[in-house]
Protein backbone atom coordinates (compact mmCIF):
# COMPACT_ATOMS: atom_id res chain seq x y z
CA MET A 1 107.27 128.71 94.33
CA ILE A 2 108.27 127.64 91.11
CA SER A 3 111.24 129.60 89.57
CA SER A 4 110.82 131.26 86.35
CA LEU A 5 114.12 129.71 85.14
CA ALA A 6 112.74 126.25 85.92
CA SER A 7 111.22 124.21 83.08
CA VAL A 8 107.92 122.80 84.02
CA HIS A 9 105.44 121.05 81.60
CA PRO A 10 102.09 122.46 81.77
CA LYS A 11 100.60 118.99 82.00
CA ALA A 12 102.56 118.11 85.12
CA LYS A 13 100.53 117.91 88.23
CA ILE A 14 102.25 119.77 90.86
CA GLY A 15 100.93 119.88 94.50
CA ASN A 16 100.50 122.72 97.09
CA ASN A 17 103.54 124.66 98.62
CA VAL A 18 106.03 122.91 96.03
CA THR A 19 109.26 124.78 95.58
CA ILE A 20 111.08 124.19 92.22
CA GLU A 21 114.50 125.77 91.86
CA PRO A 22 116.11 127.38 88.94
CA PHE A 23 117.17 125.11 85.97
CA ALA A 24 115.12 122.14 87.29
CA MET A 25 113.15 120.14 84.53
CA ILE A 26 109.78 118.56 85.02
CA TYR A 27 108.29 116.52 82.12
CA ALA A 28 104.68 116.26 81.38
CA ASP A 29 103.70 112.83 82.88
CA VAL A 30 104.72 113.72 86.29
CA VAL A 31 102.82 113.87 89.52
CA ILE A 32 104.45 115.65 92.64
CA GLY A 33 102.62 115.84 95.99
CA ASP A 34 102.53 118.71 98.57
CA ASN A 35 105.41 120.39 100.29
CA CYS A 36 108.28 118.99 98.08
CA TRP A 37 111.44 120.87 97.28
CA ILE A 38 113.05 120.27 93.87
CA GLY A 39 116.54 121.62 93.75
CA SER A 40 118.44 123.19 90.93
CA ASN A 41 119.29 120.92 87.86
CA VAL A 42 116.99 118.18 88.92
CA VAL A 43 115.33 116.18 86.12
CA ILE A 44 112.17 114.37 86.53
CA PHE A 45 111.08 112.38 83.58
CA ASP A 46 107.65 110.97 82.60
CA GLY A 47 106.29 108.42 84.71
CA ALA A 48 107.45 109.74 88.16
CA ARG A 49 104.65 109.60 90.88
CA ILE A 50 105.82 111.50 93.91
CA GLY A 51 104.36 111.82 97.40
CA ASN A 52 104.48 114.59 99.83
CA ASP A 53 107.25 116.34 101.76
CA CYS A 54 110.15 114.95 99.63
CA LYS A 55 113.34 116.65 98.96
CA PHE A 56 115.60 116.34 95.69
CA PHE A 57 119.00 117.72 95.96
CA PRO A 58 120.77 119.21 92.91
CA GLY A 59 121.52 116.81 89.95
CA ALA A 60 119.10 114.12 90.90
CA VAL A 61 117.84 112.22 87.85
CA ILE A 62 114.35 110.57 88.51
CA SER A 63 112.39 108.23 86.44
CA ALA A 64 114.81 108.05 83.53
CA VAL A 65 114.49 105.11 81.22
CA PRO A 66 115.90 101.75 82.23
CA GLN A 67 119.52 100.91 81.32
CA ASP A 68 118.12 97.75 79.88
CA LEU A 69 118.40 96.83 76.17
CA LYS A 70 114.96 94.98 76.52
CA TYR A 71 113.15 98.13 77.15
CA ASN A 72 111.31 99.22 74.22
CA GLY A 73 109.58 102.38 75.49
CA GLU A 74 106.67 100.94 77.21
CA PRO A 75 104.77 103.25 79.83
CA THR A 76 106.20 102.52 83.26
CA THR A 77 106.47 104.50 86.51
CA THR A 78 108.60 105.42 89.35
CA GLU A 79 106.75 105.56 92.51
CA ILE A 80 108.22 107.59 95.34
CA GLY A 81 106.38 107.80 98.76
CA ASN A 82 106.34 110.50 101.43
CA GLY A 83 109.14 112.10 103.37
CA ASN A 84 112.12 110.90 101.31
CA ILE A 85 115.39 112.69 100.99
CA ILE A 86 117.14 112.20 97.71
CA ARG A 87 120.64 113.85 97.71
CA GLU A 88 122.99 114.99 94.98
CA CYS A 89 123.19 113.16 91.71
CA VAL A 90 121.14 110.15 92.79
CA THR A 91 119.60 108.41 89.65
CA ILE A 92 116.41 106.40 89.88
CA ASN A 93 115.25 104.43 86.84
CA LYS A 94 111.70 103.65 86.01
CA GLY A 95 110.42 100.07 85.56
CA THR A 96 110.25 97.72 82.60
CA VAL A 97 107.53 95.40 81.61
CA ALA A 98 108.72 92.81 84.21
CA SER A 99 106.97 94.70 87.04
CA GLY A 100 105.90 97.99 85.48
CA LYS A 101 107.36 100.20 88.24
CA THR A 102 110.20 101.13 90.55
CA VAL A 103 109.19 101.72 94.01
CA ILE A 104 110.61 103.61 96.86
CA GLY A 105 108.50 103.81 100.06
CA ASP A 106 108.34 106.42 102.91
CA LYS A 107 111.08 108.32 104.93
CA ASN A 108 114.14 106.89 103.01
CA LEU A 109 117.43 108.75 102.79
CA LEU A 110 119.47 108.17 99.60
CA MET A 111 122.78 109.80 99.87
CA ALA A 112 124.76 111.41 96.92
CA TYR A 113 125.28 109.21 93.78
CA VAL A 114 123.15 106.28 94.77
CA HIS A 115 121.80 104.53 91.73
CA VAL A 116 118.47 102.66 91.67
CA ALA A 117 117.92 100.49 88.83
CA HIS A 118 114.69 99.50 87.10
CA ASP A 119 112.17 97.38 88.90
CA CYS A 120 113.67 97.79 92.39
CA PHE A 121 111.55 97.98 95.42
CA ILE A 122 112.87 99.73 98.60
CA GLY A 123 110.65 99.70 101.61
CA ASN A 124 110.54 102.43 104.28
CA HIS A 125 113.18 104.06 106.65
CA CYS A 126 116.02 102.68 104.64
CA ILE A 127 119.47 104.39 104.24
CA LEU A 128 121.59 104.04 101.38
CA ALA A 129 124.87 105.71 101.89
CA ASN A 130 127.00 107.52 99.19
CA GLY A 131 127.57 105.59 96.07
CA VAL A 132 125.46 102.64 96.63
CA THR A 133 124.60 100.89 93.37
CA LEU A 134 121.39 98.75 92.90
CA ALA A 135 121.29 96.57 89.75
CA GLY A 136 117.72 95.69 88.73
CA HIS A 137 115.02 93.79 90.30
CA ILE A 138 116.37 94.25 93.85
CA GLU A 139 114.03 94.08 96.92
CA ILE A 140 115.05 96.11 99.91
CA GLU A 141 112.83 95.74 103.13
CA ASP A 142 112.10 98.22 105.79
CA HIS A 143 114.98 99.84 107.98
CA ALA A 144 117.88 98.36 106.01
CA ILE A 145 121.11 100.36 106.08
CA ILE A 146 123.63 99.72 103.22
CA GLY A 147 127.10 101.25 103.66
CA GLY A 148 128.78 103.40 101.13
CA LEU A 149 130.12 102.25 97.80
CA SER A 150 128.34 98.82 98.10
CA ALA A 151 127.26 96.94 94.91
CA ILE A 152 124.09 95.00 94.92
CA HIS A 153 123.61 92.13 92.30
CA GLN A 154 120.37 91.99 90.26
CA PHE A 155 117.49 90.11 91.73
CA VAL A 156 119.03 90.03 95.47
CA ARG A 157 116.80 90.46 98.39
CA ILE A 158 117.82 92.27 101.51
CA GLY A 159 115.67 91.76 104.65
CA LYS A 160 114.45 94.33 107.24
CA HIS A 161 116.69 95.87 109.88
CA VAL A 162 119.86 94.64 107.95
CA MET A 163 123.11 96.51 108.23
CA ILE A 164 125.60 95.98 105.36
CA SER A 165 129.25 97.08 105.75
CA GLY A 166 130.58 99.76 103.38
CA GLY A 167 132.13 98.59 100.13
CA SER A 168 130.34 95.40 100.20
CA LEU A 169 129.67 93.10 97.10
CA VAL A 170 126.26 91.69 97.70
CA ARG A 171 125.63 88.65 95.48
CA LYS A 172 123.33 86.68 97.63
CA ASP A 173 120.27 87.43 99.72
CA VAL A 174 120.86 88.88 103.07
CA PRO A 175 118.14 87.68 105.67
CA PRO A 176 116.45 90.18 108.24
CA PHE A 177 118.01 91.43 111.44
CA THR A 178 121.54 90.59 110.49
CA LYS A 179 124.84 92.40 110.18
CA CYS A 180 127.27 91.58 107.05
CA ALA A 181 130.85 92.34 106.01
CA HIS A 182 133.92 90.71 104.61
CA GLU A 183 134.46 89.44 101.01
CA PRO A 184 132.62 87.16 100.27
CA LEU A 185 129.77 88.83 102.16
CA SER A 186 129.30 86.73 105.32
CA TYR A 187 127.23 87.17 108.51
CA VAL A 188 129.07 88.83 111.48
CA GLY A 189 126.04 89.05 113.87
CA VAL A 190 122.70 90.22 114.72
CA ASN A 191 122.04 94.06 114.47
CA ALA A 192 121.07 94.16 118.17
CA VAL A 193 121.73 97.97 118.36
CA GLY A 194 119.39 98.76 115.57
CA LEU A 195 116.88 96.41 116.81
CA ARG A 196 116.87 98.03 120.44
CA ARG A 197 116.57 101.49 118.77
CA ARG A 198 113.41 100.27 117.10
CA GLY A 199 111.69 98.86 120.26
CA TYR A 200 112.63 95.32 120.14
CA THR A 201 112.94 93.75 123.48
CA ASN A 202 115.94 91.84 124.89
CA ASP A 203 113.73 88.56 124.50
CA GLN A 204 112.89 89.24 120.92
CA ILE A 205 116.70 89.89 120.14
CA ASN A 206 117.72 86.61 122.06
CA VAL A 207 115.41 84.68 119.77
CA VAL A 208 116.83 86.08 116.78
CA GLN A 209 120.46 85.48 117.88
CA SER A 210 119.31 81.76 118.67
CA ILE A 211 118.04 81.42 115.16
CA TYR A 212 121.18 82.75 113.53
CA ARG A 213 123.30 80.57 115.79
CA LEU A 214 121.69 77.53 114.51
CA LEU A 215 121.73 78.75 110.91
CA PHE A 216 125.08 80.46 110.42
CA VAL A 217 127.49 79.76 113.48
CA GLN A 218 127.23 76.25 113.82
CA ASN A 219 128.22 75.31 110.18
CA HIS A 220 124.90 73.69 109.35
CA SER A 221 123.71 73.65 105.75
CA VAL A 222 120.72 76.03 105.40
CA LYS A 223 118.46 72.94 105.13
CA LYS A 224 119.79 71.57 108.28
CA GLY A 225 119.73 74.98 109.95
CA VAL A 226 116.14 75.54 108.91
CA GLU A 227 115.15 72.12 110.33
CA GLU A 228 116.77 72.82 113.69
CA ILE A 229 115.07 76.32 113.84
CA GLU A 230 111.59 74.74 113.12
CA ALA A 231 112.19 71.99 115.68
CA GLY A 232 113.97 73.91 118.50
CA ILE A 233 112.73 77.48 118.38
CA GLU A 234 109.19 78.41 119.56
CA ALA A 235 107.21 80.16 116.79
CA THR A 236 107.40 83.99 116.96
CA THR A 237 107.02 86.80 114.67
CA GLU A 238 110.59 87.02 114.32
CA ARG A 239 111.17 83.41 113.69
CA ASP A 240 108.51 83.28 111.07
CA GLU A 241 109.81 86.16 109.39
CA VAL A 242 113.28 84.67 108.95
CA LEU A 243 111.91 81.32 107.81
CA SER A 244 109.59 82.91 105.33
CA PHE A 245 112.49 84.91 103.80
CA ILE A 246 114.67 81.99 103.59
CA SER A 247 111.86 80.02 101.85
CA LYS A 248 111.59 82.61 99.12
CA SER A 249 115.20 82.86 98.48
CA GLN A 250 115.95 82.40 94.77
CA ARG A 251 119.82 83.41 94.91
CA GLY A 252 120.62 81.45 98.13
CA LEU A 253 121.85 83.35 101.36
CA MET A 254 125.24 84.90 102.12
CA LYS A 255 127.73 82.86 103.71
CA GLY A 256 127.75 81.94 107.44
CA TYR A 257 130.05 83.24 109.98
CA VAL A 258 133.54 82.98 109.13
CA LYS A 259 136.14 83.38 112.01
CA GLU A 260 139.10 85.66 111.22
CA GLU A 261 142.45 83.96 111.40
CA GLU A 262 144.86 85.58 113.80
CA GLU A 263 147.83 87.08 112.51
């Protein structure tokens, strides 16, 4: 059902069973899949490609031009998958010539006032709590949870199954399966609860804990820690995922474990 008070360009491609509430605005070069709900005062600009079963709450602005002075109006897109929940006043900018698109996968929850800048790539089943801010060119892998009011520096990578404490300033890459907090952002353990909820066994979690004990707890350099992981821990999917993530890091990793001083 499309409200007579909504503004939907006749060239926009709207799927089946889509609800568009009063005062929403849909531009011409937009594709919206089936069973979506577009709340009041949502604006969806040119270049949006939206899957099925998504919900956009009032005030969200999707596929706006990048906040990048190098952007010269080239045609780019914002690609949003299936089953996403985009809460009030979320802003998602489309890509630049760097990658041509901003991408959000399936079944993510972006809470109120989240900002996703140009050329970001978010995987599946991620949760970005209220007020999380992503600069450009950030990559977030599946099942990551980022606490409210966190700010992520451009070009940072966040691995799968990561949990980041609220209010964090994330300037360095955060490897998979970890929890992090403090300022500067530091390793505080393995996200064991999250891993168990997603079907990881105790043996798999123990391997991950052994990896990060060598990398972050025993005060090795990253290079030395990687050497000890490769030499001392049998190859598993989890080990290889961690080593692959580290090998691709451009900004370097967050700090290792820092013991809090007793008062």
